[in-house]
Protein backbone atom coordinates (compact mmCIF):
# COMPACT_ATOMS: atom_id res chain seq x y z
CA GLN A 1 -79.07 -7.18 39.22
CA VAL A 2 -81.42 -8.78 36.31
CA GLN A 3 -79.98 -9.18 33.22
CA LEU A 4 -81.31 -10.61 29.94
CA VAL A 5 -78.53 -10.78 27.27
CA GLU A 6 -79.59 -11.79 23.49
CA SER A 7 -77.89 -13.44 20.73
CA GLY A 8 -77.62 -14.58 17.71
CA GLY A 9 -79.32 -11.82 15.55
CA GLY A 10 -77.79 -10.81 11.84
CA LEU A 11 -78.87 -10.89 8.51
CA VAL A 12 -80.40 -13.61 6.75
CA GLN A 13 -82.02 -14.44 3.12
CA PRO A 14 -85.70 -15.13 3.06
CA GLY A 15 -86.69 -18.69 3.58
CA GLY A 16 -82.94 -19.07 5.74
CA SER A 17 -83.32 -19.99 9.35
CA LEU A 18 -81.67 -18.32 12.03
CA GLY A 19 -81.32 -19.25 15.73
CA LEU A 20 -81.77 -16.42 18.60
CA SER A 21 -80.60 -17.18 22.23
CA CYS A 22 -81.24 -15.41 25.77
CA ALA A 23 -78.65 -15.98 28.88
CA ALA A 24 -80.86 -14.35 32.12
CA SER A 25 -78.72 -13.92 35.12
CA GLY A 26 -80.34 -12.19 38.91
CA ILE A 27 -83.74 -14.16 38.47
CA ILE A 28 -84.83 -17.51 39.72
CA PHE A 29 -85.36 -18.56 35.73
CA SER A 30 -87.37 -21.75 36.56
CA ALA A 31 -89.73 -19.54 38.04
CA TYR A 32 -90.39 -17.06 35.22
CA ALA A 33 -92.39 -17.10 31.87
CA MET A 34 -90.24 -16.35 28.89
CA GLY A 35 -90.80 -14.76 25.74
CA TRP A 36 -89.78 -13.31 22.84
CA TYR A 37 -91.12 -10.04 21.36
CA ARG A 38 -90.36 -8.56 18.56
CA GLN A 39 -90.36 -4.51 16.91
CA ALA A 40 -90.26 -3.30 13.18
CA PRO A 41 -89.35 0.16 12.76
CA GLY A 42 -92.55 2.01 12.82
CA LYS A 43 -94.56 -0.41 14.63
CA GLN A 44 -95.61 -1.14 18.29
CA ARG A 45 -93.23 -4.25 20.06
CA GLU A 46 -95.77 -7.51 19.81
CA LEU A 47 -95.72 -10.82 21.00
CA VAL A 48 -93.70 -13.76 19.01
CA ALA A 49 -93.73 -16.38 21.17
CA THR A 50 -94.01 -17.15 25.11
CA ILE A 51 -92.73 -20.45 27.12
CA THR A 52 -94.47 -20.81 30.70
CA SER A 53 -92.42 -22.43 33.65
CA GLY A 54 -93.78 -25.28 32.56
CA GLY A 55 -93.14 -25.78 29.60
CA SER A 56 -96.28 -24.85 27.49
CA THR A 57 -95.72 -22.70 24.43
CA ASN A 58 -97.45 -19.75 22.45
CA TYR A 59 -96.87 -17.79 19.40
CA VAL A 60 -98.41 -15.32 17.25
CA ASP A 61 -100.16 -16.96 13.97
CA SER A 62 -97.93 -15.24 11.84
CA VAL A 63 -94.97 -17.81 13.13
CA LYS A 64 -96.76 -20.50 14.01
CA GLY A 65 -95.19 -23.69 12.33
CA ARG A 66 -92.01 -21.63 11.34
CA PHE A 67 -90.38 -20.51 14.74
CA THR A 68 -89.95 -22.77 17.65
CA ILE A 69 -89.44 -21.25 21.44
CA SER A 70 -87.21 -23.57 24.12
CA ARG A 71 -85.48 -23.07 27.51
CA ASP A 72 -83.01 -24.30 29.35
CA ASN A 73 -83.89 -24.54 32.84
CA ALA A 74 -79.90 -25.54 33.62
CA LYS A 75 -78.71 -23.22 31.44
CA ASN A 76 -81.25 -20.27 31.96
CA THR A 77 -81.34 -19.52 28.87
CA VAL A 78 -84.51 -19.77 26.11
CA SER A 79 -84.18 -19.60 22.27
CA LEU A 80 -86.25 -18.76 19.52
CA GLN A 81 -85.51 -20.95 16.26
CA MET A 82 -86.38 -18.90 13.35
CA ASN A 83 -87.18 -20.74 9.85
CA SER A 84 -88.78 -20.18 6.85
CA LEU A 85 -87.63 -16.38 7.45
CA LYS A 86 -89.94 -13.94 5.36
CA PRO A 87 -89.13 -10.20 5.18
CA GLU A 88 -91.69 -9.42 7.19
CA ASP A 89 -89.72 -11.18 10.37
CA THR A 90 -87.49 -7.95 9.68
CA ALA A 91 -87.35 -6.28 13.72
CA VAL A 92 -85.47 -5.99 16.88
CA TYR A 93 -86.10 -8.85 18.98
CA TYR A 94 -86.05 -8.76 22.44
CA CYS A 95 -86.29 -11.36 25.35
CA ASN A 96 -88.92 -10.69 28.02
CA ALA A 97 -89.06 -12.99 31.59
CA GLU A 98 -92.64 -12.57 33.08
CA VAL A 99 -93.31 -13.55 36.91
CA MET A 100 -96.64 -12.97 38.50
CA ARG A 101 -96.32 -13.17 42.79
CA LEU A 102 -98.56 -12.04 45.17
CA GLY A 103 -100.94 -10.04 42.96
CA PHE A 104 -97.65 -8.05 41.37
CA ARG A 105 -96.09 -8.61 37.65
CA THR A 106 -92.59 -8.63 37.62
CA VAL A 107 -90.97 -7.92 33.71
CA TYR A 108 -87.79 -7.67 32.42
CA TRP A 109 -86.60 -6.87 29.03
CA GLY A 110 -83.51 -7.41 27.29
CA GLN A 111 -81.59 -4.77 25.29
CA GLY A 112 -82.71 -6.70 21.72
CA THR A 113 -81.00 -7.93 18.54
CA GLN A 114 -81.45 -6.77 15.08
CA VAL A 115 -82.86 -9.35 12.40
CA THR A 116 -82.71 -8.79 9.52
CA VAL A 117 -84.44 -10.36 5.93
CA SER A 118 -83.38 -9.68 3.33
CA SER A 119 -82.12 -10.65 -0.59
């Protein structure tokens, strides 16, 4: 059974920092590209950051220079360090795992964790 369990969300003031973590089980973690997505109320889910199995990273422009994604293949975890947070970063953040195998794309999602940036 595949599980992606996020933790670390909460309430933070503008300009503050927060770290999210996602623990994966039931998959060969090192083979998967991992990502963080977010969904704000009334908006579509959007990509925040991804990290490939080889460690290459990609970020949406709005978080570049503020957020850092990293992975620990020994612990089967992916993290998102968020600095200089803005109210517009408020959303439910979802952990994502993806792999392409024999032409088929497999995707798993976590249950999400709320991040609220407010004074």
